[in-house]
Amino acid sequence: MEKQFITHFESIESYNHLNEIEKTLFDKALKIREIAYAPYSDFTVGCAILLENGEIITGSNQENAAYPSGLCAERTTIFYTGANFPGVKIKKLFVIGAPRKATSSTPIPPCGACRQSILEYEAKQEETIEIYFASVAGEIFKTKSIRDLLPFSFDSSFL
């Protein structure tokens, strides 16, 4: 029997249609993306996380010649947050990615490893994290939970 998943997400037409906190997260993710260390792929990614206490944490991707020793922006940011703000919930995560010199408008979602890491933090805090993903211009996608991007999720309930 064939079954199907339905993924729920919101399409936000452009930056101008974001609210003020979303614009702040977009701006911070875009700014930190400028200093990403991506000499091999030239694909730069920035991430901004809003914590429940109002603090915003940012990070960018960090490549390494000894691939896969680098780390994506999402995991750089979420691991830093977990190490430095234990017990503080993550409310929103905004990621922007594109080739360094591109003016791409295709929203860039988190990779599989980042999705799994975000899932771990959602499970740990027992509360969903809104995920926004975009490119440097154009449409922005928003999900209410990483589970919308990661069907058949693997979490600690299987252990």
N, C-alpha and C. Protein backbone atom coordinates (compact mmCIF):
# COMPACT_ATOMS: atom_id res chain seq x y z
N MET A 1 0.84 -1.17 0.00
CA MET A 1 0.00 0.00 0.00
C MET A 1 0.89 1.25 0.00
N GLU A 2 0.67 2.11 -0.92
CA GLU A 2 1.42 3.36 -1.00
C GLU A 2 0.79 4.39 -0.08
N LYS A 3 1.66 5.11 0.64
CA LYS A 3 1.22 6.19 1.52
C LYS A 3 2.03 7.43 1.16
N GLN A 4 1.60 8.56 1.66
CA GLN A 4 2.36 9.77 1.38
C GLN A 4 2.42 10.66 2.60
N PHE A 5 3.46 11.49 2.65
CA PHE A 5 3.59 12.50 3.68
C PHE A 5 3.12 13.82 3.10
N ILE A 6 2.57 14.63 3.97
CA ILE A 6 2.24 16.00 3.59
C ILE A 6 3.11 16.90 4.44
N THR A 7 3.89 17.72 3.80
CA THR A 7 4.76 18.65 4.51
C THR A 7 4.09 20.01 4.55
N HIS A 8 4.09 20.59 5.72
CA HIS A 8 3.51 21.91 5.89
C HIS A 8 4.62 22.95 5.97
N PHE A 9 4.49 23.98 5.17
CA PHE A 9 5.41 25.10 5.26
C PHE A 9 4.70 26.34 4.75
N GLU A 10 5.24 27.47 5.15
CA GLU A 10 4.70 28.75 4.72
C GLU A 10 5.68 29.37 3.74
N SER A 11 5.17 29.96 2.70
CA SER A 11 5.98 30.69 1.74
C SER A 11 5.79 32.18 2.00
N ILE A 12 6.89 32.84 2.31
CA ILE A 12 6.86 34.28 2.55
C ILE A 12 7.47 34.93 1.30
N GLU A 13 6.74 35.81 0.67
CA GLU A 13 7.10 36.33 -0.64
C GLU A 13 8.49 36.96 -0.69
N SER A 14 8.85 37.74 0.33
CA SER A 14 10.15 38.40 0.32
C SER A 14 10.45 38.98 1.70
N TYR A 15 11.63 39.51 1.83
CA TYR A 15 12.09 40.17 3.06
C TYR A 15 11.07 41.18 3.56
N ASN A 16 10.49 41.94 2.66
CA ASN A 16 9.54 42.99 3.03
C ASN A 16 8.28 42.45 3.70
N HIS A 17 8.03 41.15 3.58
CA HIS A 17 6.84 40.54 4.18
C HIS A 17 7.14 39.88 5.53
N LEU A 18 8.36 40.04 6.03
CA LEU A 18 8.73 39.51 7.34
C LEU A 18 8.33 40.51 8.42
N ASN A 19 8.10 40.01 9.64
CA ASN A 19 7.88 40.92 10.76
C ASN A 19 9.24 41.42 11.26
N GLU A 20 9.26 42.28 12.24
CA GLU A 20 10.51 42.93 12.67
C GLU A 20 11.53 41.93 13.22
N ILE A 21 11.12 40.97 14.05
CA ILE A 21 12.08 40.00 14.58
C ILE A 21 12.61 39.11 13.47
N GLU A 22 11.74 38.73 12.53
CA GLU A 22 12.18 37.91 11.40
C GLU A 22 13.18 38.69 10.53
N LYS A 23 12.94 39.97 10.33
CA LYS A 23 13.88 40.81 9.58
C LYS A 23 15.23 40.89 10.30
N THR A 24 15.18 41.01 11.61
CA THR A 24 16.43 41.05 12.39
C THR A 24 17.21 39.76 12.22
N LEU A 25 16.51 38.62 12.31
CA LEU A 25 17.18 37.32 12.14
C LEU A 25 17.74 37.19 10.73
N PHE A 26 16.97 37.58 9.72
CA PHE A 26 17.43 37.55 8.33
C PHE A 26 18.70 38.39 8.21
N ASP A 27 18.66 39.62 8.70
CA ASP A 27 19.81 40.53 8.59
C ASP A 27 21.06 39.96 9.26
N LYS A 28 20.87 39.38 10.44
CA LYS A 28 22.03 38.83 11.16
C LYS A 28 22.59 37.58 10.45
N ALA A 29 21.71 36.74 9.92
CA ALA A 29 22.17 35.56 9.17
C ALA A 29 22.90 36.00 7.90
N LEU A 30 22.37 37.00 7.22
CA LEU A 30 22.99 37.51 6.01
C LEU A 30 24.36 38.12 6.32
N LYS A 31 24.46 38.87 7.41
CA LYS A 31 25.72 39.52 7.80
C LYS A 31 26.79 38.49 8.17
N ILE A 32 26.45 37.51 9.00
CA ILE A 32 27.43 36.50 9.44
C ILE A 32 27.87 35.63 8.26
N ARG A 33 27.00 35.48 7.28
CA ARG A 33 27.33 34.72 6.06
C ARG A 33 28.54 35.32 5.34
N GLU A 34 28.72 36.62 5.46
CA GLU A 34 29.83 37.31 4.80
C GLU A 34 31.19 36.83 5.29
N ILE A 35 31.25 36.32 6.52
CA ILE A 35 32.55 35.88 7.05
C ILE A 35 32.66 34.36 7.14
N ALA A 36 31.76 33.66 6.44
CA ALA A 36 31.86 32.20 6.39
C ALA A 36 33.22 31.80 5.82
N TYR A 37 33.74 30.70 6.32
CA TYR A 37 35.00 30.17 5.80
C TYR A 37 34.66 29.07 4.81
N ALA A 38 34.64 29.43 3.53
CA ALA A 38 34.23 28.49 2.48
C ALA A 38 35.15 28.59 1.26
N PRO A 39 36.47 28.36 1.46
CA PRO A 39 37.40 28.53 0.35
C PRO A 39 37.31 27.43 -0.71
N TYR A 40 36.67 26.32 -0.42
CA TYR A 40 36.62 25.20 -1.36
C TYR A 40 35.35 25.22 -2.19
N SER A 41 34.23 25.41 -1.55
CA SER A 41 32.95 25.41 -2.27
C SER A 41 32.51 26.81 -2.69
N ASP A 42 32.98 27.81 -1.97
CA ASP A 42 32.55 29.20 -2.17
C ASP A 42 31.04 29.33 -1.96
N PHE A 43 30.46 28.37 -1.22
CA PHE A 43 29.04 28.39 -0.87
C PHE A 43 28.96 28.83 0.58
N THR A 44 28.47 30.02 0.81
CA THR A 44 28.48 30.59 2.16
C THR A 44 27.09 30.55 2.77
N VAL A 45 27.07 30.24 4.06
CA VAL A 45 25.81 30.08 4.79
C VAL A 45 25.93 30.81 6.12
N GLY A 46 24.86 31.52 6.47
CA GLY A 46 24.77 32.17 7.76
C GLY A 46 23.53 31.70 8.50
N CYS A 47 23.62 31.66 9.81
CA CYS A 47 22.51 31.19 10.64
C CYS A 47 22.35 32.13 11.83
N ALA A 48 21.10 32.44 12.16
CA ALA A 48 20.78 33.23 13.35
C ALA A 48 19.72 32.49 14.14
N ILE A 49 19.94 32.38 15.43
CA ILE A 49 19.03 31.68 16.33
C ILE A 49 18.50 32.67 17.36
N LEU A 50 17.18 32.66 17.55
CA LEU A 50 16.54 33.46 18.59
C LEU A 50 16.27 32.57 19.79
N LEU A 51 16.80 32.96 20.94
CA LEU A 51 16.57 32.23 22.18
C LEU A 51 15.36 32.79 22.92
N GLU A 52 14.81 32.00 23.82
CA GLU A 52 13.63 32.42 24.58
C GLU A 52 13.90 33.67 25.42
N ASN A 53 15.16 33.92 25.76
CA ASN A 53 15.50 35.11 26.55
C ASN A 53 15.72 36.35 25.67
N GLY A 54 15.48 36.21 24.35
CA GLY A 54 15.61 37.34 23.43
C GLY A 54 16.97 37.49 22.80
N GLU A 55 17.94 36.74 23.29
CA GLU A 55 19.30 36.82 22.72
C GLU A 55 19.32 36.16 21.35
N ILE A 56 20.13 36.72 20.46
CA ILE A 56 20.31 36.16 19.11
C ILE A 56 21.75 35.69 18.97
N ILE A 57 21.91 34.44 18.58
CA ILE A 57 23.21 33.81 18.38
C ILE A 57 23.39 33.58 16.88
N THR A 58 24.59 33.85 16.37
CA THR A 58 24.85 33.66 14.95
C THR A 58 26.05 32.76 14.72
N GLY A 59 26.10 32.19 13.52
CA GLY A 59 27.23 31.36 13.12
C GLY A 59 27.24 31.19 11.61
N SER A 60 28.38 30.76 11.10
CA SER A 60 28.52 30.55 9.66
C SER A 60 29.19 29.22 9.39
N ASN A 61 29.12 28.78 8.13
CA ASN A 61 29.75 27.50 7.81
C ASN A 61 31.27 27.63 7.84
N GLN A 62 31.93 26.53 8.22
CA GLN A 62 33.38 26.48 8.38
C GLN A 62 33.90 25.23 7.68
N GLU A 63 34.48 25.43 6.49
CA GLU A 63 34.99 24.30 5.71
C GLU A 63 36.38 23.89 6.16
N ASN A 64 36.83 22.76 5.65
CA ASN A 64 38.14 22.24 5.98
C ASN A 64 38.63 21.41 4.81
N ALA A 65 39.92 21.52 4.50
CA ALA A 65 40.49 20.75 3.39
C ALA A 65 40.32 19.25 3.62
N ALA A 66 40.29 18.84 4.86
CA ALA A 66 40.09 17.43 5.20
C ALA A 66 38.59 17.16 5.34
N TYR A 67 37.88 17.30 4.21
CA TYR A 67 36.44 17.06 4.20
C TYR A 67 36.16 15.66 4.75
N PRO A 68 35.26 15.44 5.62
CA PRO A 68 34.16 16.27 6.08
C PRO A 68 34.39 16.93 7.43
N SER A 69 35.58 17.39 7.70
CA SER A 69 35.89 17.97 9.01
C SER A 69 35.28 19.34 9.24
N GLY A 70 34.73 19.96 8.22
CA GLY A 70 34.08 21.26 8.39
C GLY A 70 32.73 21.10 9.05
N LEU A 71 32.04 22.22 9.19
CA LEU A 71 30.75 22.21 9.85
C LEU A 71 29.83 23.25 9.22
N CYS A 72 28.59 22.86 9.03
CA CYS A 72 27.57 23.75 8.46
C CYS A 72 27.24 24.88 9.45
N ALA A 73 26.69 25.95 8.92
CA ALA A 73 26.33 27.10 9.75
C ALA A 73 25.30 26.74 10.82
N GLU A 74 24.33 25.92 10.46
CA GLU A 74 23.28 25.56 11.41
C GLU A 74 23.86 24.83 12.61
N ARG A 75 24.73 23.85 12.35
CA ARG A 75 25.30 23.08 13.46
C ARG A 75 26.33 23.91 14.23
N THR A 76 27.10 24.75 13.54
CA THR A 76 28.02 25.64 14.24
C THR A 76 27.24 26.47 15.27
N THR A 77 26.13 27.02 14.83
CA THR A 77 25.33 27.91 15.67
C THR A 77 24.58 27.16 16.76
N ILE A 78 23.96 26.06 16.42
CA ILE A 78 23.16 25.34 17.41
C ILE A 78 24.05 24.67 18.46
N PHE A 79 25.22 24.17 18.07
CA PHE A 79 26.13 23.55 19.05
C PHE A 79 26.71 24.62 19.98
N TYR A 80 27.06 25.77 19.43
CA TYR A 80 27.54 26.88 20.27
C TYR A 80 26.47 27.27 21.28
N THR A 81 25.24 27.36 20.80
CA THR A 81 24.12 27.72 21.66
C THR A 81 23.94 26.69 22.78
N GLY A 82 23.96 25.41 22.42
CA GLY A 82 23.82 24.36 23.42
C GLY A 82 24.92 24.36 24.45
N ALA A 83 26.15 24.67 24.02
CA ALA A 83 27.30 24.67 24.93
C ALA A 83 27.31 25.89 25.85
N ASN A 84 26.82 27.02 25.36
CA ASN A 84 26.92 28.27 26.11
C ASN A 84 25.62 28.75 26.76
N PHE A 85 24.51 28.16 26.35
CA PHE A 85 23.21 28.54 26.90
C PHE A 85 22.40 27.29 27.26
N PRO A 86 22.96 26.40 28.08
CA PRO A 86 22.24 25.17 28.40
C PRO A 86 20.92 25.48 29.10
N GLY A 87 19.89 24.79 28.68
CA GLY A 87 18.58 24.97 29.30
C GLY A 87 17.78 26.15 28.75
N VAL A 88 18.38 26.97 27.87
CA VAL A 88 17.65 28.08 27.27
C VAL A 88 17.06 27.59 25.95
N LYS A 89 15.76 27.74 25.79
CA LYS A 89 15.09 27.21 24.60
C LYS A 89 15.36 28.04 23.36
N ILE A 90 15.44 27.34 22.24
CA ILE A 90 15.57 27.97 20.94
C ILE A 90 14.18 28.16 20.37
N LYS A 91 13.84 29.38 20.00
CA LYS A 91 12.51 29.68 19.47
C LYS A 91 12.47 29.66 17.94
N LYS A 92 13.48 30.28 17.33
CA LYS A 92 13.52 30.40 15.87
C LYS A 92 14.94 30.20 15.37
N LEU A 93 15.05 29.63 14.17
CA LEU A 93 16.34 29.44 13.52
C LEU A 93 16.18 29.92 12.08
N PHE A 94 17.05 30.84 11.66
CA PHE A 94 16.97 31.43 10.32
C PHE A 94 18.29 31.13 9.60
N VAL A 95 18.21 30.51 8.43
CA VAL A 95 19.41 30.16 7.68
C VAL A 95 19.32 30.73 6.26
N ILE A 96 20.44 31.31 5.81
CA ILE A 96 20.55 31.87 4.47
C ILE A 96 21.81 31.30 3.83
N GLY A 97 21.65 30.74 2.63
CA GLY A 97 22.79 30.17 1.93
C GLY A 97 22.74 30.44 0.44
N ALA A 98 23.94 30.56 -0.15
CA ALA A 98 24.07 30.76 -1.60
C ALA A 98 25.55 30.80 -1.95
N PRO A 99 25.89 30.58 -3.21
CA PRO A 99 27.27 30.83 -3.62
C PRO A 99 27.65 32.27 -3.27
N ARG A 100 28.90 32.49 -2.88
CA ARG A 100 29.35 33.79 -2.35
C ARG A 100 28.90 34.98 -3.21
N LYS A 101 29.02 34.89 -4.51
CA LYS A 101 28.73 36.04 -5.37
C LYS A 101 27.37 35.95 -6.04
N ALA A 102 26.56 35.02 -5.65
CA ALA A 102 25.26 34.82 -6.30
C ALA A 102 24.21 35.79 -5.79
N THR A 103 23.23 35.98 -6.59
CA THR A 103 22.03 36.72 -6.19
C THR A 103 20.84 35.77 -6.27
N SER A 104 21.08 34.53 -5.92
CA SER A 104 20.09 33.46 -6.00
C SER A 104 18.83 33.80 -5.23
N SER A 105 17.72 33.25 -5.69
CA SER A 105 16.46 33.46 -4.97
C SER A 105 15.82 32.14 -4.56
N THR A 106 16.51 31.04 -4.72
CA THR A 106 15.97 29.74 -4.32
C THR A 106 16.28 29.49 -2.84
N PRO A 107 15.25 29.31 -2.00
CA PRO A 107 15.49 29.06 -0.58
C PRO A 107 16.36 27.80 -0.38
N ILE A 108 17.37 27.91 0.46
CA ILE A 108 18.31 26.82 0.72
C ILE A 108 17.97 26.19 2.06
N PRO A 109 17.46 24.94 2.06
CA PRO A 109 17.09 24.28 3.33
C PRO A 109 18.32 23.70 4.03
N PRO A 110 18.18 23.41 5.33
CA PRO A 110 19.26 22.72 6.04
C PRO A 110 19.51 21.34 5.43
N CYS A 111 20.77 20.90 5.45
CA CYS A 111 21.11 19.57 4.96
C CYS A 111 20.60 18.51 5.94
N GLY A 112 20.73 17.26 5.60
CA GLY A 112 20.24 16.17 6.43
C GLY A 112 20.88 16.12 7.81
N ALA A 113 22.21 16.32 7.88
CA ALA A 113 22.89 16.29 9.17
C ALA A 113 22.42 17.43 10.07
N CYS A 114 22.20 18.59 9.48
CA CYS A 114 21.70 19.73 10.25
C CYS A 114 20.27 19.49 10.71
N ARG A 115 19.46 18.89 9.85
CA ARG A 115 18.08 18.58 10.24
C ARG A 115 18.08 17.65 11.46
N GLN A 116 18.93 16.64 11.43
CA GLN A 116 19.01 15.70 12.55
C GLN A 116 19.47 16.40 13.82
N SER A 117 20.42 17.31 13.71
CA SER A 117 20.90 18.05 14.89
C SER A 117 19.83 18.97 15.44
N ILE A 118 19.10 19.65 14.57
CA ILE A 118 18.01 20.51 15.03
C ILE A 118 16.93 19.67 15.71
N LEU A 119 16.65 18.49 15.15
CA LEU A 119 15.68 17.58 15.75
C LEU A 119 16.07 17.23 17.18
N GLU A 120 17.34 16.98 17.41
CA GLU A 120 17.82 16.64 18.75
C GLU A 120 17.51 17.76 19.74
N TYR A 121 17.71 19.00 19.30
CA TYR A 121 17.45 20.13 20.19
C TYR A 121 15.95 20.34 20.41
N GLU A 122 15.15 20.11 19.39
CA GLU A 122 13.69 20.17 19.58
C GLU A 122 13.26 19.14 20.62
N ALA A 123 13.75 17.93 20.49
CA ALA A 123 13.39 16.86 21.42
C ALA A 123 13.87 17.20 22.84
N LYS A 124 15.09 17.69 22.93
CA LYS A 124 15.68 18.01 24.23
C LYS A 124 14.87 19.10 24.95
N GLN A 125 14.45 20.12 24.22
CA GLN A 125 13.72 21.21 24.87
C GLN A 125 12.21 20.98 24.93
N GLU A 126 11.76 19.86 24.33
CA GLU A 126 10.34 19.49 24.31
C GLU A 126 9.46 20.62 23.80
N GLU A 127 9.97 21.29 22.77
CA GLU A 127 9.24 22.39 22.14
C GLU A 127 9.77 22.57 20.72
N THR A 128 8.87 22.85 19.80
CA THR A 128 9.29 23.01 18.41
C THR A 128 10.11 24.29 18.21
N ILE A 129 10.87 24.28 17.12
CA ILE A 129 11.68 25.43 16.71
C ILE A 129 11.18 25.84 15.32
N GLU A 130 10.80 27.09 15.17
CA GLU A 130 10.43 27.58 13.84
C GLU A 130 11.70 27.66 13.00
N ILE A 131 11.65 27.10 11.79
CA ILE A 131 12.80 27.10 10.89
C ILE A 131 12.46 27.96 9.68
N TYR A 132 13.32 28.93 9.40
CA TYR A 132 13.21 29.77 8.22
C TYR A 132 14.41 29.48 7.34
N PHE A 133 14.20 29.35 6.04
CA PHE A 133 15.35 29.21 5.15
C PHE A 133 15.13 30.00 3.88
N ALA A 134 16.25 30.57 3.40
CA ALA A 134 16.18 31.50 2.29
C ALA A 134 17.50 31.52 1.55
N SER A 135 17.52 32.27 0.48
CA SER A 135 18.75 32.64 -0.19
C SER A 135 18.94 34.13 0.09
N VAL A 136 19.82 34.77 -0.63
CA VAL A 136 20.11 36.17 -0.36
C VAL A 136 18.99 37.11 -0.80
N ALA A 137 18.07 36.63 -1.62
CA ALA A 137 16.95 37.44 -2.09
C ALA A 137 15.78 36.51 -2.39
N GLY A 138 14.61 37.09 -2.52
CA GLY A 138 13.45 36.32 -2.96
C GLY A 138 12.67 35.67 -1.85
N GLU A 139 12.01 34.59 -2.22
CA GLU A 139 11.08 33.86 -1.36
C GLU A 139 11.80 33.25 -0.15
N ILE A 140 11.06 33.17 0.95
CA ILE A 140 11.55 32.60 2.20
C ILE A 140 10.56 31.52 2.62
N PHE A 141 11.07 30.36 3.03
CA PHE A 141 10.21 29.29 3.51
C PHE A 141 10.30 29.21 5.03
N LYS A 142 9.17 28.88 5.65
CA LYS A 142 9.09 28.76 7.11
C LYS A 142 8.35 27.49 7.46
N THR A 143 8.91 26.73 8.39
CA THR A 143 8.21 25.57 8.94
C THR A 143 8.05 25.77 10.44
N LYS A 144 7.05 25.11 11.01
CA LYS A 144 6.81 25.25 12.44
C LYS A 144 7.66 24.29 13.26
N SER A 145 8.25 23.29 12.58
CA SER A 145 9.06 22.28 13.27
C SER A 145 9.99 21.62 12.26
N ILE A 146 11.12 21.17 12.72
CA ILE A 146 12.05 20.46 11.84
C ILE A 146 11.43 19.16 11.35
N ARG A 147 10.48 18.63 12.08
CA ARG A 147 9.82 17.38 11.65
C ARG A 147 9.12 17.54 10.30
N ASP A 148 8.75 18.79 9.95
CA ASP A 148 8.18 19.03 8.62
C ASP A 148 9.21 18.80 7.52
N LEU A 149 10.48 18.93 7.85
CA LEU A 149 11.56 18.73 6.88
C LEU A 149 12.25 17.38 7.03
N LEU A 150 11.87 16.63 8.04
CA LEU A 150 12.56 15.38 8.33
C LEU A 150 11.55 14.26 8.64
N PRO A 151 10.82 13.81 7.63
CA PRO A 151 9.89 12.70 7.87
C PRO A 151 10.65 11.43 8.26
N PHE A 152 9.98 10.56 8.95
CA PHE A 152 10.60 9.33 9.48
C PHE A 152 11.82 9.68 10.35
N SER A 153 11.64 10.67 11.22
CA SER A 153 12.72 11.14 12.09
C SER A 153 13.21 10.03 13.00
N PHE A 154 14.51 10.04 13.28
CA PHE A 154 15.12 9.13 14.25
C PHE A 154 15.47 9.96 15.47
N ASP A 155 14.91 9.57 16.62
CA ASP A 155 15.23 10.27 17.86
C ASP A 155 15.45 9.27 18.98
N SER A 156 15.61 9.77 20.19
CA SER A 156 15.96 8.91 21.32
C SER A 156 14.86 7.90 21.68
N SER A 157 13.65 8.09 21.17
CA SER A 157 12.59 7.13 21.47
C SER A 157 12.87 5.76 20.89
N PHE A 158 13.78 5.68 19.91
CA PHE A 158 14.14 4.39 19.30
C PHE A 158 15.24 3.67 20.09
N LEU A 159 15.88 4.37 20.99
CA LEU A 159 17.02 3.78 21.72
C LEU A 159 16.59 3.00 22.93
